[in-house]
Structures are given as structure tokens and as C-alpha cells.
Protein backbone atom coordinates (compact mmCIF):
# COMPACT_ATOMS: atom_id res chain seq x y z
CA MET A 1 -11.92 14.08 -7.30
CA THR A 2 -13.78 10.91 -6.23
CA THR A 3 -13.35 8.26 -3.26
CA THR A 4 -13.87 5.26 -5.55
CA PHE A 5 -11.50 3.69 -8.02
CA SER A 6 -12.46 3.81 -11.69
CA GLU A 7 -11.84 0.48 -13.78
CA LYS A 8 -8.75 1.97 -15.30
CA SER A 9 -7.20 2.58 -11.75
CA ARG A 10 -8.23 -0.89 -10.82
CA ALA A 11 -6.38 -2.28 -13.83
CA ILE A 12 -3.16 -0.42 -12.82
CA PHE A 13 -3.44 -1.73 -9.20
CA ALA A 14 -3.67 -5.40 -10.65
CA LYS A 15 -0.42 -4.97 -12.31
CA LYS A 16 2.90 -5.63 -10.74
CA VAL A 17 3.30 -1.98 -9.76
CA LEU A 18 4.96 -0.47 -6.65
CA ALA A 19 2.87 2.00 -4.67
CA HIS A 20 4.78 4.82 -2.88
CA VAL A 21 3.30 5.31 0.48
CA ALA A 22 3.85 8.53 2.35
CA SER A 23 3.46 8.50 6.02
CA LEU A 24 4.21 11.14 8.85
CA GLY A 25 7.11 10.65 11.26
CA ALA A 26 6.70 11.65 14.83
CA ASP A 27 8.24 15.07 14.24
CA GLY A 28 5.90 15.52 11.13
CA ALA A 29 8.42 14.92 8.53
CA PRO A 30 7.22 13.00 5.50
CA TYR A 31 8.44 9.34 4.95
CA VAL A 32 8.01 7.84 1.46
CA THR A 33 8.63 4.11 0.73
CA PRO A 34 7.69 1.88 -2.21
CA VAL A 35 5.53 -1.13 -1.17
CA TRP A 36 3.58 -4.04 -2.73
CA CYS A 37 -0.13 -3.51 -2.75
CA GLU A 38 -3.64 -4.51 -3.76
CA LEU A 39 -7.09 -3.26 -3.87
CA ASP A 40 -9.93 -4.82 -1.60
CA GLY A 41 -13.07 -3.09 -2.83
CA ASP A 42 -12.00 0.61 -2.55
CA ASP A 43 -9.45 0.10 0.33
CA ILE A 44 -5.87 -0.33 -0.49
CA VAL A 45 -3.96 -3.08 1.38
CA ILE A 46 -0.19 -3.00 2.10
CA ASN A 47 2.04 -5.14 4.30
CA THR A 48 5.23 -4.39 6.41
CA ALA A 49 6.74 -5.63 9.36
CA LEU A 50 6.54 -4.34 13.00
CA GLY A 51 9.44 -2.02 14.08
CA ARG A 52 9.95 -0.53 10.72
CA ALA A 53 9.56 3.19 10.48
CA LYS A 54 6.53 2.96 8.11
CA ALA A 55 4.83 0.74 10.61
CA ARG A 56 5.52 2.93 13.47
CA ASN A 57 4.36 5.98 11.52
CA LEU A 58 1.20 4.33 10.28
CA ALA A 59 0.36 3.11 13.71
CA SER A 60 0.71 6.41 15.24
CA ASP A 61 -0.68 8.83 12.44
CA PRO A 62 -3.49 7.44 10.23
CA ARG A 63 -2.91 10.15 7.61
CA VAL A 64 -1.32 8.71 4.48
CA ALA A 65 -0.82 9.29 0.78
CA VAL A 66 -0.31 6.82 -1.91
CA SER A 67 0.68 7.18 -5.43
CA LEU A 68 1.05 4.54 -8.46
CA THR A 69 2.40 4.99 -11.97
CA ASP A 70 1.30 2.56 -14.75
CA PRO A 71 4.33 0.66 -15.75
CA ASP A 72 3.33 0.48 -19.26
CA ASN A 73 2.40 4.24 -19.58
CA ALA A 74 4.06 6.51 -16.94
CA TYR A 75 1.57 9.23 -17.72
CA ASP A 76 -1.14 7.40 -16.26
CA CYS A 77 -0.87 7.63 -12.59
CA ILE A 78 -2.97 7.60 -9.24
CA ALA A 79 -2.74 9.70 -6.34
CA VAL A 80 -4.60 9.11 -3.27
CA ARG A 81 -5.03 10.76 0.08
CA GLY A 82 -6.48 8.37 2.76
CA THR A 83 -6.66 7.17 6.51
CA VAL A 84 -5.56 3.94 7.89
CA VAL A 85 -8.61 2.10 9.01
CA THR A 86 -6.97 -1.24 9.94
CA PHE A 87 -3.62 -2.19 11.40
CA THR A 88 -3.28 -5.67 12.49
CA THR A 89 -0.88 -8.64 12.59
CA ASP A 90 -4.00 -11.11 12.19
CA GLY A 91 -3.55 -12.89 8.78
CA ALA A 92 -0.72 -10.65 7.84
CA ASP A 93 1.59 -13.72 6.78
CA GLU A 94 -0.85 -14.82 4.45
CA VAL A 95 -1.10 -11.41 2.83
CA ILE A 96 2.64 -11.23 2.44
CA ASP A 97 2.65 -14.63 0.81
CA ARG A 98 -0.30 -13.42 -1.58
CA PHE A 99 1.95 -10.42 -2.46
CA ALA A 100 4.81 -12.67 -3.00
CA LYS A 101 2.87 -14.67 -5.62
CA LYS A 102 1.82 -11.66 -7.41
CA TYR A 103 5.21 -9.62 -7.52
CA MET A 104 7.64 -12.63 -7.39
CA ASP A 105 5.61 -15.56 -8.67
CA LEU A 106 6.38 -17.39 -5.33
CA ASP A 107 3.99 -19.40 -3.08
CA SER A 108 5.75 -17.99 -0.02
CA TYR A 109 7.54 -14.65 0.92
CA PRO A 110 11.24 -15.57 0.80
CA LEU A 111 12.69 -12.59 2.76
CA ARG A 112 11.10 -13.09 6.17
CA ARG A 113 13.77 -12.58 8.89
CA GLU A 114 13.81 -14.42 12.12
CA GLY A 115 11.23 -13.17 14.69
CA GLU A 116 9.69 -10.67 12.17
CA VAL A 117 6.02 -9.94 12.87
CA ARG A 118 4.23 -8.92 9.66
CA VAL A 119 1.34 -6.40 9.83
CA THR A 120 -1.30 -5.56 7.30
CA VAL A 121 -2.37 -2.03 6.85
CA ARG A 122 -5.70 -1.05 5.22
CA ILE A 123 -5.88 2.32 3.63
CA ARG A 124 -9.42 4.14 2.95
CA PRO A 125 -9.31 6.64 0.29
CA ASP A 126 -10.51 10.12 1.14
CA ARG A 127 -9.46 11.41 -2.15
CA ILE A 128 -8.40 9.77 -5.45
CA ALA A 129 -7.01 11.58 -8.53
CA MET A 130 -6.18 9.74 -11.60
CA GLN A 131 -4.24 11.42 -14.44
CA PRO A 132 -5.41 11.52 -17.10
CA GLU A 133 -8.85 11.06 -16.02
């Protein structure tokens, strides 16, 4: 196990692949949701909206797990256990627009809701596993 991503892992993150993020609810129950993502160095960056279960969970308990499967080879997958190190609304609209470009080929995220406040979450890996290694 490692705490840095290999070039092969980075190549998977660069694709239009959804990450599955597992957070913990107030009662300790796991909650898994697919998200858009990117790497910034060795940190995983995701974006959500305040008020959603995922945002509440990640704000109250920084423990998280993330998994990705290569869309071109289902046997290449990444599993990460990590810690939320940043939870901020600063610049979050720009991040969701960048994700819209990557995942939808649009310059602006088209699914914003009236009054929605976006939040960017930065996850620092504590443990990274890649299959196959």
C-alpha cells in the first residue's frame, strides 16, 4: 500500500470516470455516492452542494473511502482510504465548471439550482491500493 498515486492510477483519474465516495452518517452508517473528481497532486478533489447528505457527512466526519474503476478495463481499479483536509465554498463554482468541461464538455455546469451553494472537498489519501499493482 502507498499514499501516492502511480502513473497508471493518475491515468484513470484523468478519464471521464466516476469515483464512488463512501462517507459516514451521524449514526455511523456508510453512505456511498458517485461523484466527478480530479487529482491535485496526490489529493482527490470532489465537489458537491451544501445541504446534501454527502456534504453533511464529510463536514462532520473526515474519514472517507473512494474507489474508481477504469472504464476501459473493469479489472483496473483504485481503492483509497483518506481524510477530508479541506471543505470550502471558496472557488467551488469554478471547480464544478471545470468538472462540467471534463465530464460534459460544457464550459459551465448546467444543473445548478436556485440558491445552491457549491463546496469543494479535498481528500488526502492515507492508503492507496491499485488492482492489479
